[in-house]
Amino acid sequence: MSDETDRGVLYWETGGVLVVFLVGTAVHIAGHFISVTQPTLGLVTVNESLWEHLKMGFWPLVVLGVIQYPWLGEDNDNFLVAKVASAFTVMGTVFVLVTAYNQFSSEPVLIDIITFAVSCCLGQVVSYRVLQADPVGRQTRRVALGGAVAVAVSFWVFAVAPPPLELFQDPMTGGYGPQ
């Protein structure tokens, strides 16, 4: 990759941190203020469970990927893998950090915000590194696409019919699913 192209990717991925953070925050807030209907259940947070907070990182990265594709994706075989790796990094980081700090704090609003910001940064770093790496094979791209589709479908399925596991339980109400 040329220095100019590399710099362009760096700008897009750095700007992506802000986009993912702001859109992710909107995804979270929207669930509290809009009437959640069947089509939107998988898109917005329907309660305060850890599972629902994972949507905050996934959907904004899908939107960012769609926006970035004409500039970064058409000529880069790693684009899909980079975006999926970024989403999984954000979701994994949120999961690990939230699980860890919930052991010590019951009022983690500021920590939630910091955790999401750190997760967004890490996700974009991963995306940048994958975009810079040697091209991946077709099978890797297929696995990435399958993983992304599985996560997207699971957001709808588990919003409608969440299993009675702590991951899906709203810590504020003790309930599951839309509140």
C-alpha atoms as a PDB file:
ATOM      1  CA  MET A   1       0.000   0.000   0.000  1.00  0.00           C
ATOM      2  CA  SER A   2       1.315   3.457  -0.855  1.00  0.00           C
ATOM      3  CA  ASP A   3       1.950   6.021   1.861  1.00  0.00           C
ATOM      4  CA  GLU A   4      -0.956   8.119   0.591  1.00  0.00           C
ATOM      5  CA  THR A   5      -3.349   5.153   0.618  1.00  0.00           C
ATOM      6  CA  ASP A   6      -2.077   4.122   4.043  1.00  0.00           C
ATOM      7  CA  ARG A   7      -2.698   7.632   5.358  1.00  0.00           C
ATOM      8  CA  GLY A   8      -6.235   7.593   3.911  1.00  0.00           C
ATOM      9  CA  VAL A   9      -6.987   4.293   5.643  1.00  0.00           C
ATOM     10  CA  LEU A  10      -5.624   5.704   8.895  1.00  0.00           C
ATOM     11  CA  TYR A  11      -7.869   8.775   8.603  1.00  0.00           C
ATOM     12  CA  TRP A  12     -10.953   6.669   7.859  1.00  0.00           C
ATOM     13  CA  GLU A  13     -10.288   4.285  10.734  1.00  0.00           C
ATOM     14  CA  THR A  14      -9.472   7.084  13.188  1.00  0.00           C
ATOM     15  CA  GLY A  15     -12.622   8.969  12.223  1.00  0.00           C
ATOM     16  CA  GLY A  16     -14.472   5.683  12.530  1.00  0.00           C
ATOM     17  CA  VAL A  17     -13.861   5.673  16.278  1.00  0.00           C
ATOM     18  CA  LEU A  18     -16.027   8.767  16.648  1.00  0.00           C
ATOM     19  CA  VAL A  19     -18.684   7.476  14.233  1.00  0.00           C
ATOM     20  CA  VAL A  20     -18.970   4.118  16.007  1.00  0.00           C
ATOM     21  CA  PHE A  21     -19.033   5.756  19.434  1.00  0.00           C
ATOM     22  CA  LEU A  22     -21.736   8.283  18.500  1.00  0.00           C
ATOM     23  CA  VAL A  23     -23.911   5.885  16.494  1.00  0.00           C
ATOM     24  CA  GLY A  24     -23.484   3.203  19.180  1.00  0.00           C
ATOM     25  CA  THR A  25     -24.605   5.656  21.819  1.00  0.00           C
ATOM     26  CA  ALA A  26     -27.602   6.547  19.639  1.00  0.00           C
ATOM     27  CA  VAL A  27     -28.449   2.830  19.299  1.00  0.00           C
ATOM     28  CA  HIS A  28     -28.465   2.577  23.086  1.00  0.00           C
ATOM     29  CA  ILE A  29     -30.487   5.730  23.694  1.00  0.00           C
ATOM     30  CA  ALA A  30     -32.965   4.961  20.902  1.00  0.00           C
ATOM     31  CA  GLY A  31     -34.088   1.820  22.700  1.00  0.00           C
ATOM     32  CA  HIS A  32     -35.190   3.944  25.653  1.00  0.00           C
ATOM     33  CA  PHE A  33     -37.098   6.563  23.689  1.00  0.00           C
ATOM     34  CA  ILE A  34     -38.667   4.914  20.661  1.00  0.00           C
ATOM     35  CA  SER A  35     -41.429   2.392  20.496  1.00  0.00           C
ATOM     36  CA  VAL A  36     -39.536  -0.820  19.850  1.00  0.00           C
ATOM     37  CA  THR A  37     -41.309  -2.889  17.203  1.00  0.00           C
ATOM     38  CA  GLN A  38     -40.528  -6.332  15.814  1.00  0.00           C
ATOM     39  CA  PRO A  39     -38.358  -4.999  12.946  1.00  0.00           C
ATOM     40  CA  THR A  40     -36.275  -2.796  15.266  1.00  0.00           C
ATOM     41  CA  LEU A  41     -35.754  -5.322  18.090  1.00  0.00           C
ATOM     42  CA  GLY A  42     -32.439  -6.494  16.685  1.00  0.00           C
ATOM     43  CA  LEU A  43     -31.174  -2.989  15.973  1.00  0.00           C
ATOM     44  CA  VAL A  44     -31.604  -1.073  19.229  1.00  0.00           C
ATOM     45  CA  THR A  45     -31.063  -1.998  22.849  1.00  0.00           C
ATOM     46  CA  VAL A  46     -34.299  -3.271  24.376  1.00  0.00           C
ATOM     47  CA  ASN A  47     -33.023  -3.422  27.962  1.00  0.00           C
ATOM     48  CA  GLU A  48     -29.832  -2.930  29.995  1.00  0.00           C
ATOM     49  CA  SER A  49     -28.484  -6.483  29.676  1.00  0.00           C
ATOM     50  CA  LEU A  50     -24.909  -7.080  28.627  1.00  0.00           C
ATOM     51  CA  TRP A  51     -26.154  -8.828  25.478  1.00  0.00           C
ATOM     52  CA  GLU A  52     -28.074  -5.753  24.397  1.00  0.00           C
ATOM     53  CA  HIS A  53     -25.000  -3.570  24.899  1.00  0.00           C
ATOM     54  CA  LEU A  54     -23.150  -5.634  22.299  1.00  0.00           C
ATOM     55  CA  LYS A  55     -25.460  -4.164  19.638  1.00  0.00           C
ATOM     56  CA  MET A  56     -23.888  -0.779  20.347  1.00  0.00           C
ATOM     57  CA  GLY A  57     -20.662  -1.901  18.686  1.00  0.00           C
ATOM     58  CA  PHE A  58     -22.005  -4.168  15.965  1.00  0.00           C
ATOM     59  CA  TRP A  59     -24.547  -2.074  14.064  1.00  0.00           C
ATOM     60  CA  PRO A  60     -22.500   1.133  13.946  1.00  0.00           C
ATOM     61  CA  LEU A  61     -19.631  -0.845  12.428  1.00  0.00           C
ATOM     62  CA  VAL A  62     -21.992  -2.234   9.788  1.00  0.00           C
ATOM     63  CA  VAL A  63     -23.053   1.335   8.945  1.00  0.00           C
ATOM     64  CA  LEU A  64     -19.437   2.516   8.926  1.00  0.00           C
ATOM     65  CA  GLY A  65     -18.454  -0.377   6.648  1.00  0.00           C
ATOM     66  CA  VAL A  66     -21.177   0.521   4.162  1.00  0.00           C
ATOM     67  CA  ILE A  67     -19.992   4.138   4.156  1.00  0.00           C
ATOM     68  CA  GLN A  68     -16.311   3.186   3.844  1.00  0.00           C
ATOM     69  CA  TYR A  69     -16.676   0.508   1.185  1.00  0.00           C
ATOM     70  CA  PRO A  70     -16.445   2.745  -1.926  1.00  0.00           C
ATOM     71  CA  TRP A  71     -13.186   4.252  -0.644  1.00  0.00           C
ATOM     72  CA  LEU A  72     -11.532   1.381   1.205  1.00  0.00           C
ATOM     73  CA  GLY A  73     -13.268  -1.838   0.286  1.00  0.00           C
ATOM     74  CA  GLU A  74     -13.475  -2.118  -3.475  1.00  0.00           C
ATOM     75  CA  ASP A  75      -9.742  -2.711  -3.887  1.00  0.00           C
ATOM     76  CA  ASN A  76      -8.971  -4.441  -0.592  1.00  0.00           C
ATOM     77  CA  ASP A  77      -9.650  -8.179  -0.232  1.00  0.00           C
ATOM     78  CA  ASN A  78      -9.381  -7.784   3.542  1.00  0.00           C
ATOM     79  CA  PHE A  79     -12.169  -5.220   3.899  1.00  0.00           C
ATOM     80  CA  LEU A  80     -14.943  -7.572   5.040  1.00  0.00           C
ATOM     81  CA  VAL A  81     -12.612  -9.445   7.386  1.00  0.00           C
ATOM     82  CA  ALA A  82     -11.349  -6.137   8.819  1.00  0.00           C
ATOM     83  CA  LYS A  83     -14.862  -4.888   9.555  1.00  0.00           C
ATOM     84  CA  VAL A  84     -15.980  -8.196  11.107  1.00  0.00           C
ATOM     85  CA  ALA A  85     -12.776  -8.437  13.172  1.00  0.00           C
ATOM     86  CA  SER A  86     -13.382  -4.879  14.344  1.00  0.00           C
ATOM     87  CA  ALA A  87     -16.979  -5.670  15.370  1.00  0.00           C
ATOM     88  CA  PHE A  88     -15.930  -8.829  17.208  1.00  0.00           C
ATOM     89  CA  THR A  89     -13.144  -6.903  18.946  1.00  0.00           C
ATOM     90  CA  VAL A  90     -15.541  -4.190  20.115  1.00  0.00           C
ATOM     91  CA  MET A  91     -18.115  -6.721  21.314  1.00  0.00           C
ATOM     92  CA  GLY A  92     -15.486  -8.913  22.975  1.00  0.00           C
ATOM     93  CA  THR A  93     -13.861  -5.984  24.739  1.00  0.00           C
ATOM     94  CA  VAL A  94     -17.216  -4.703  25.989  1.00  0.00           C
ATOM     95  CA  PHE A  95     -18.090  -8.191  27.211  1.00  0.00           C
ATOM     96  CA  VAL A  96     -14.802  -8.741  29.068  1.00  0.00           C
ATOM     97  CA  LEU A  97     -14.540  -5.270  30.615  1.00  0.00           C
ATOM     98  CA  VAL A  98     -18.196  -5.014  31.642  1.00  0.00           C
ATOM     99  CA  THR A  99     -18.112  -8.489  33.160  1.00  0.00           C
ATOM    100  CA  ALA A 100     -14.924  -7.599  35.058  1.00  0.00           C
ATOM    101  CA  TYR A 101     -16.019  -4.239  36.455  1.00  0.00           C
ATOM    102  CA  ASN A 102     -19.500  -5.465  37.373  1.00  0.00           C
ATOM    103  CA  GLN A 103     -17.762  -7.603  39.981  1.00  0.00           C
ATOM    104  CA  PHE A 104     -16.757  -4.397  41.788  1.00  0.00           C
ATOM    105  CA  SER A 105     -19.311  -1.699  40.952  1.00  0.00           C
ATOM    106  CA  SER A 106     -23.080  -1.425  40.810  1.00  0.00           C
ATOM    107  CA  GLU A 107     -23.285   2.115  39.357  1.00  0.00           C
ATOM    108  CA  PRO A 108     -20.998   1.930  36.340  1.00  0.00           C
ATOM    109  CA  VAL A 109     -22.391   4.652  34.011  1.00  0.00           C
ATOM    110  CA  LEU A 110     -19.075   6.494  33.612  1.00  0.00           C
ATOM    111  CA  ILE A 111     -17.219   3.199  33.388  1.00  0.00           C
ATOM    112  CA  ASP A 112     -19.705   2.058  30.707  1.00  0.00           C
ATOM    113  CA  ILE A 113     -18.908   5.122  28.626  1.00  0.00           C
ATOM    114  CA  ILE A 114     -15.148   4.697  29.015  1.00  0.00           C
ATOM    115  CA  THR A 115     -15.408   0.985  28.253  1.00  0.00           C
ATOM    116  CA  PHE A 116     -17.321   1.644  25.058  1.00  0.00           C
ATOM    117  CA  ALA A 117     -14.858   4.346  23.966  1.00  0.00           C
ATOM    118  CA  VAL A 118     -11.869   2.045  24.614  1.00  0.00           C
ATOM    119  CA  SER A 119     -13.650  -0.785  22.787  1.00  0.00           C
ATOM    120  CA  CYS A 120     -14.293   1.457  19.765  1.00  0.00           C
ATOM    121  CA  CYS A 121     -10.622   2.456  19.661  1.00  0.00           C
ATOM    122  CA  LEU A 122      -9.423  -1.146  19.862  1.00  0.00           C
ATOM    123  CA  GLY A 123     -11.866  -2.223  17.167  1.00  0.00           C
ATOM    124  CA  GLN A 124     -10.635   0.434  14.775  1.00  0.00           C
ATOM    125  CA  VAL A 125      -6.999  -0.464  15.468  1.00  0.00           C
ATOM    126  CA  VAL A 126      -7.789  -4.084  14.586  1.00  0.00           C
ATOM    127  CA  SER A 127      -9.590  -2.989  11.428  1.00  0.00           C
ATOM    128  CA  TYR A 128      -6.642  -0.811  10.386  1.00  0.00           C
ATOM    129  CA  ARG A 129      -4.163  -3.654  10.955  1.00  0.00           C
ATOM    130  CA  VAL A 130      -6.232  -6.159   8.993  1.00  0.00           C
ATOM    131  CA  LEU A 131      -6.670  -3.696   6.129  1.00  0.00           C
ATOM    132  CA  GLN A 132      -2.863  -3.307   6.031  1.00  0.00           C
ATOM    133  CA  ALA A 133      -2.148  -7.047   6.174  1.00  0.00           C
ATOM    134  CA  ASP A 134      -1.461  -9.400   3.282  1.00  0.00           C
ATOM    135  CA  PRO A 135      -4.655 -10.373   1.449  1.00  0.00           C
ATOM    136  CA  VAL A 136      -6.719 -13.107   3.076  1.00  0.00           C
ATOM    137  CA  GLY A 137      -8.212 -15.996   1.155  1.00  0.00           C
ATOM    138  CA  ARG A 138     -11.761 -16.482  -0.069  1.00  0.00           C
ATOM    139  CA  GLN A 139     -12.494 -19.007   2.701  1.00  0.00           C
ATOM    140  CA  THR A 140     -11.520 -16.481   5.386  1.00  0.00           C
ATOM    141  CA  ARG A 141     -13.855 -13.924   3.830  1.00  0.00           C
ATOM    142  CA  ARG A 142     -16.684 -16.485   3.800  1.00  0.00           C
ATOM    143  CA  VAL A 143     -16.130 -17.345   7.463  1.00  0.00           C
ATOM    144  CA  ALA A 144     -16.150 -13.629   8.347  1.00  0.00           C
ATOM    145  CA  LEU A 145     -19.394 -13.086   6.455  1.00  0.00           C
ATOM    146  CA  GLY A 146     -20.968 -16.119   8.109  1.00  0.00           C
ATOM    147  CA  GLY A 147     -19.932 -14.869  11.550  1.00  0.00           C
ATOM    148  CA  ALA A 148     -21.392 -11.429  10.901  1.00  0.00           C
ATOM    149  CA  VAL A 149     -24.678 -12.866   9.625  1.00  0.00           C
ATOM    150  CA  ALA A 150     -24.894 -15.207  12.631  1.00  0.00           C
ATOM    151  CA  VAL A 151     -24.428 -12.301  15.042  1.00  0.00           C
ATOM    152  CA  ALA A 152     -26.975 -10.133  13.216  1.00  0.00           C
ATOM    153  CA  VAL A 153     -29.591 -12.898  13.238  1.00  0.00           C
ATOM    154  CA  SER A 154     -28.890 -13.699  16.896  1.00  0.00           C
ATOM    155  CA  PHE A 155     -29.575 -10.084  17.870  1.00  0.00           C
ATOM    156  CA  TRP A 156     -33.132 -10.455  16.554  1.00  0.00           C
ATOM    157  CA  VAL A 157     -33.703 -13.976  17.855  1.00  0.00           C
ATOM    158  CA  PHE A 158     -32.460 -13.228  21.372  1.00  0.00           C
ATOM    159  CA  ALA A 159     -34.269  -9.880  21.546  1.00  0.00           C
ATOM    160  CA  VAL A 160     -37.555 -11.697  20.921  1.00  0.00           C
ATOM    161  CA  ALA A 161     -36.821 -14.871  22.909  1.00  0.00           C
ATOM    162  CA  PRO A 162     -33.832 -14.419  25.216  1.00  0.00           C
ATOM    163  CA  PRO A 163     -32.771 -17.488  27.180  1.00  0.00           C
ATOM    164  CA  PRO A 164     -32.911 -17.137  30.970  1.00  0.00           C
ATOM    165  CA  LEU A 165     -29.174 -16.540  31.334  1.00  0.00           C
ATOM    166  CA  GLU A 166     -27.407 -13.692  33.120  1.00  0.00           C
ATOM    167  CA  LEU A 167     -26.016 -12.427  29.799  1.00  0.00           C
ATOM    168  CA  PHE A 168     -29.570 -11.583  28.691  1.00  0.00           C
ATOM    169  CA  GLN A 169     -30.944 -10.371  32.027  1.00  0.00           C
ATOM    170  CA  ASP A 170     -31.589  -6.687  32.611  1.00  0.00           C
ATOM    171  CA  PRO A 171     -29.778  -5.933  35.890  1.00  0.00           C
ATOM    172  CA  MET A 172     -32.130  -3.034  36.616  1.00  0.00           C
ATOM    173  CA  THR A 173     -35.424  -4.924  36.338  1.00  0.00           C
ATOM    174  CA  GLY A 174     -34.386  -8.578  36.509  1.00  0.00           C
ATOM    175  CA  GLY A 175     -36.391  -9.149  33.325  1.00  0.00           C
ATOM    176  CA  TYR A 176     -35.498 -10.487  29.907  1.00  0.00           C
ATOM    177  CA  GLY A 177     -36.248  -9.112  26.474  1.00  0.00           C
ATOM    178  CA  PRO A 178     -38.072  -5.847  25.689  1.00  0.00           C
ATOM    179  CA  GLN A 179     -39.078  -3.910  28.791  1.00  0.00           C
END
